[in-house]
Amino acid sequence: MADLLLFGSGWTQRWTIGPGQEEAVRAEVLRTGRDGTGVLSVNDPNTDAEVTLAVNWSLVAVAVVLPDHPDQAGHTLAGSYA
């Protein structure tokens, strides 16, 4: 598993990339800063539930995929970045 970090003007988000979705997310982050909307399948880091994330790439300044998501049982990842 890996994490997706999105940074914009005054905001940040962190999402967990589910199994089998990492390559699709890596392909989408190449659209960072460009016009258009992308749809990603990610997991809510607090509940581990799969969610659909729509991203307006023109509002994203930086997107990072962090490989090898560590086991963070009992920790909320979103609070550190949201």
N, C-alpha and C. Protein backbone atom coordinates (compact mmCIF):
# COMPACT_ATOMS: atom_id res chain seq x y z
N MET A 1 0.83 -1.18 0.00
CA MET A 1 0.00 0.00 0.00
C MET A 1 0.88 1.24 0.00
N ALA A 2 0.31 2.33 -0.48
CA ALA A 2 1.02 3.60 -0.58
C ALA A 2 0.06 4.72 -0.17
N ASP A 3 0.60 5.90 -0.03
CA ASP A 3 -0.20 7.08 0.29
C ASP A 3 -0.12 8.10 -0.82
N LEU A 4 -1.20 8.86 -1.01
CA LEU A 4 -1.25 9.97 -1.94
C LEU A 4 -1.35 11.25 -1.13
N LEU A 5 -0.42 12.16 -1.33
CA LEU A 5 -0.46 13.47 -0.68
C LEU A 5 -0.73 14.52 -1.74
N LEU A 6 -1.72 15.37 -1.49
CA LEU A 6 -2.08 16.45 -2.40
C LEU A 6 -1.90 17.77 -1.68
N PHE A 7 -1.26 18.73 -2.34
CA PHE A 7 -1.02 20.04 -1.76
C PHE A 7 -1.54 21.11 -2.72
N GLY A 8 -2.31 22.04 -2.18
CA GLY A 8 -2.81 23.17 -2.95
C GLY A 8 -2.54 24.45 -2.20
N SER A 9 -3.13 25.52 -2.64
CA SER A 9 -2.95 26.82 -2.00
C SER A 9 -3.74 26.86 -0.69
N GLY A 10 -3.07 26.65 0.43
CA GLY A 10 -3.71 26.70 1.73
C GLY A 10 -4.36 25.41 2.19
N TRP A 11 -4.15 24.30 1.49
CA TRP A 11 -4.75 23.04 1.90
C TRP A 11 -3.84 21.87 1.57
N THR A 12 -4.01 20.80 2.31
CA THR A 12 -3.31 19.54 2.04
C THR A 12 -4.25 18.38 2.35
N GLN A 13 -4.04 17.26 1.68
CA GLN A 13 -4.83 16.06 1.93
C GLN A 13 -3.92 14.85 1.82
N ARG A 14 -4.25 13.82 2.59
CA ARG A 14 -3.53 12.56 2.52
C ARG A 14 -4.54 11.43 2.43
N TRP A 15 -4.33 10.55 1.45
CA TRP A 15 -5.22 9.42 1.21
C TRP A 15 -4.38 8.16 1.10
N THR A 16 -4.95 7.04 1.48
CA THR A 16 -4.30 5.75 1.33
C THR A 16 -4.71 5.14 -0.01
N ILE A 17 -3.74 4.68 -0.76
CA ILE A 17 -4.00 4.04 -2.04
C ILE A 17 -4.19 2.55 -1.79
N GLY A 18 -5.31 2.03 -2.21
CA GLY A 18 -5.62 0.62 -1.98
C GLY A 18 -4.82 -0.31 -2.87
N PRO A 19 -4.82 -1.57 -2.52
CA PRO A 19 -4.11 -2.58 -3.31
C PRO A 19 -4.56 -2.57 -4.77
N GLY A 20 -3.61 -2.60 -5.66
CA GLY A 20 -3.91 -2.64 -7.09
C GLY A 20 -4.22 -1.30 -7.72
N GLN A 21 -4.23 -0.21 -6.95
CA GLN A 21 -4.58 1.11 -7.48
C GLN A 21 -3.39 2.03 -7.66
N GLU A 22 -2.21 1.63 -7.19
CA GLU A 22 -1.06 2.54 -7.17
C GLU A 22 -0.67 3.03 -8.56
N GLU A 23 -0.62 2.16 -9.54
CA GLU A 23 -0.23 2.58 -10.89
C GLU A 23 -1.23 3.56 -11.49
N ALA A 24 -2.51 3.34 -11.27
CA ALA A 24 -3.54 4.25 -11.78
C ALA A 24 -3.40 5.63 -11.14
N VAL A 25 -3.12 5.66 -9.84
CA VAL A 25 -2.94 6.94 -9.14
C VAL A 25 -1.68 7.63 -9.64
N ARG A 26 -0.60 6.88 -9.80
CA ARG A 26 0.64 7.47 -10.33
C ARG A 26 0.42 8.10 -11.71
N ALA A 27 -0.37 7.47 -12.54
CA ALA A 27 -0.66 8.02 -13.87
C ALA A 27 -1.47 9.31 -13.75
N GLU A 28 -2.41 9.36 -12.82
CA GLU A 28 -3.25 10.55 -12.64
C GLU A 28 -2.46 11.74 -12.11
N VAL A 29 -1.50 11.52 -11.20
CA VAL A 29 -0.78 12.65 -10.60
C VAL A 29 0.06 13.40 -11.63
N LEU A 30 0.31 12.79 -12.77
CA LEU A 30 1.02 13.49 -13.84
C LEU A 30 0.20 14.64 -14.41
N ARG A 31 -1.08 14.70 -14.07
CA ARG A 31 -1.96 15.78 -14.52
C ARG A 31 -1.93 16.98 -13.58
N THR A 32 -1.13 16.92 -12.52
CA THR A 32 -1.05 18.00 -11.54
C THR A 32 -0.81 19.34 -12.21
N GLY A 33 -1.62 20.35 -11.84
CA GLY A 33 -1.49 21.70 -12.38
C GLY A 33 -2.17 21.91 -13.71
N ARG A 34 -2.68 20.87 -14.32
CA ARG A 34 -3.33 20.98 -15.63
C ARG A 34 -4.85 21.06 -15.46
N ASP A 35 -5.51 21.57 -16.49
CA ASP A 35 -6.97 21.60 -16.49
C ASP A 35 -7.51 20.17 -16.52
N GLY A 36 -8.64 20.00 -15.90
CA GLY A 36 -9.30 18.70 -15.95
C GLY A 36 -9.50 18.11 -14.57
N THR A 37 -10.43 17.16 -14.52
CA THR A 37 -10.75 16.46 -13.29
C THR A 37 -10.41 15.00 -13.44
N GLY A 38 -9.84 14.44 -12.40
CA GLY A 38 -9.54 13.02 -12.38
C GLY A 38 -10.34 12.33 -11.29
N VAL A 39 -10.61 11.06 -11.48
CA VAL A 39 -11.35 10.27 -10.51
C VAL A 39 -10.44 9.14 -10.06
N LEU A 40 -10.22 9.07 -8.74
CA LEU A 40 -9.33 8.07 -8.16
C LEU A 40 -10.07 7.20 -7.17
N SER A 41 -9.67 5.95 -7.08
CA SER A 41 -10.18 5.05 -6.06
C SER A 41 -9.12 4.98 -4.96
N VAL A 42 -9.46 5.50 -3.78
CA VAL A 42 -8.53 5.54 -2.65
C VAL A 42 -9.26 5.05 -1.40
N ASN A 43 -8.52 4.90 -0.31
CA ASN A 43 -9.12 4.50 0.95
C ASN A 43 -9.05 5.65 1.93
N ASP A 44 -10.13 5.82 2.70
CA ASP A 44 -10.13 6.79 3.78
C ASP A 44 -9.14 6.28 4.83
N PRO A 45 -8.11 7.08 5.18
CA PRO A 45 -7.10 6.58 6.11
C PRO A 45 -7.62 6.37 7.53
N ASN A 46 -8.75 6.95 7.87
CA ASN A 46 -9.30 6.77 9.22
C ASN A 46 -10.17 5.54 9.34
N THR A 47 -10.84 5.15 8.25
CA THR A 47 -11.76 4.01 8.31
C THR A 47 -11.33 2.85 7.43
N ASP A 48 -10.39 3.09 6.53
CA ASP A 48 -9.92 2.13 5.54
C ASP A 48 -11.01 1.74 4.54
N ALA A 49 -12.10 2.51 4.49
CA ALA A 49 -13.16 2.27 3.52
C ALA A 49 -12.76 2.83 2.17
N GLU A 50 -13.07 2.10 1.11
CA GLU A 50 -12.77 2.58 -0.24
C GLU A 50 -13.72 3.72 -0.60
N VAL A 51 -13.16 4.80 -1.14
CA VAL A 51 -13.94 5.97 -1.54
C VAL A 51 -13.50 6.41 -2.93
N THR A 52 -14.38 7.15 -3.59
CA THR A 52 -14.06 7.74 -4.88
C THR A 52 -13.69 9.19 -4.65
N LEU A 53 -12.51 9.58 -5.11
CA LEU A 53 -12.00 10.93 -4.94
C LEU A 53 -11.94 11.61 -6.30
N ALA A 54 -12.65 12.73 -6.44
CA ALA A 54 -12.58 13.53 -7.66
C ALA A 54 -11.62 14.68 -7.39
N VAL A 55 -10.64 14.85 -8.27
CA VAL A 55 -9.59 15.85 -8.07
C VAL A 55 -9.61 16.84 -9.23
N ASN A 56 -9.71 18.13 -8.92
CA ASN A 56 -9.56 19.19 -9.91
C ASN A 56 -8.05 19.48 -9.98
N TRP A 57 -7.39 18.89 -10.95
CA TRP A 57 -5.93 18.94 -11.02
C TRP A 57 -5.37 20.34 -11.18
N SER A 58 -6.16 21.28 -11.70
CA SER A 58 -5.66 22.65 -11.84
C SER A 58 -5.46 23.34 -10.49
N LEU A 59 -6.10 22.82 -9.43
CA LEU A 59 -5.97 23.39 -8.10
C LEU A 59 -4.90 22.69 -7.24
N VAL A 60 -4.29 21.65 -7.79
CA VAL A 60 -3.26 20.91 -7.07
C VAL A 60 -1.89 21.43 -7.50
N ALA A 61 -1.12 21.90 -6.53
CA ALA A 61 0.23 22.41 -6.82
C ALA A 61 1.26 21.29 -6.83
N VAL A 62 1.11 20.34 -5.89
CA VAL A 62 2.05 19.23 -5.76
C VAL A 62 1.27 17.97 -5.41
N ALA A 63 1.60 16.86 -6.04
CA ALA A 63 1.03 15.56 -5.70
C ALA A 63 2.19 14.58 -5.53
N VAL A 64 2.15 13.83 -4.44
CA VAL A 64 3.23 12.90 -4.12
C VAL A 64 2.63 11.53 -3.81
N VAL A 65 3.23 10.49 -4.36
CA VAL A 65 2.88 9.12 -3.99
C VAL A 65 4.02 8.59 -3.13
N LEU A 66 3.69 8.25 -1.88
CA LEU A 66 4.67 7.68 -0.96
C LEU A 66 4.47 6.17 -0.94
N PRO A 67 5.45 5.42 -1.45
CA PRO A 67 5.31 3.97 -1.48
C PRO A 67 5.47 3.34 -0.11
N ASP A 68 5.09 2.08 -0.02
CA ASP A 68 5.28 1.30 1.20
C ASP A 68 4.64 1.95 2.41
N HIS A 69 3.34 2.13 2.32
CA HIS A 69 2.55 2.70 3.41
C HIS A 69 2.82 1.94 4.71
N PRO A 70 3.27 2.62 5.77
CA PRO A 70 3.53 1.93 7.03
C PRO A 70 2.24 1.56 7.74
N ASP A 71 2.31 0.54 8.55
CA ASP A 71 1.14 0.16 9.35
C ASP A 71 0.96 1.19 10.46
N GLN A 72 -0.12 1.94 10.41
CA GLN A 72 -0.36 3.03 11.35
C GLN A 72 -1.56 2.74 12.24
N ALA A 73 -1.74 1.51 12.65
CA ALA A 73 -2.90 1.14 13.45
C ALA A 73 -3.03 2.08 14.65
N GLY A 74 -4.21 2.62 14.82
CA GLY A 74 -4.47 3.50 15.95
C GLY A 74 -4.07 4.94 15.72
N HIS A 75 -3.52 5.26 14.55
CA HIS A 75 -3.11 6.63 14.25
C HIS A 75 -3.98 7.15 13.12
N THR A 76 -4.33 8.41 13.18
CA THR A 76 -5.09 9.03 12.11
C THR A 76 -4.13 9.80 11.22
N LEU A 77 -3.98 9.36 10.00
CA LEU A 77 -3.06 10.01 9.08
C LEU A 77 -3.61 11.33 8.56
N ALA A 78 -4.91 11.42 8.37
CA ALA A 78 -5.49 12.62 7.76
C ALA A 78 -5.28 13.84 8.63
N GLY A 79 -5.35 13.70 9.94
CA GLY A 79 -5.24 14.84 10.83
C GLY A 79 -3.90 15.54 10.74
N SER A 80 -2.87 14.82 10.37
CA SER A 80 -1.55 15.42 10.25
C SER A 80 -1.43 16.32 9.04
N TYR A 81 -2.31 16.16 8.07
CA TYR A 81 -2.17 16.89 6.82
C TYR A 81 -3.40 17.67 6.43
N ALA A 82 -4.54 17.41 7.03
CA ALA A 82 -5.78 18.06 6.61
C ALA A 82 -5.92 19.42 7.23
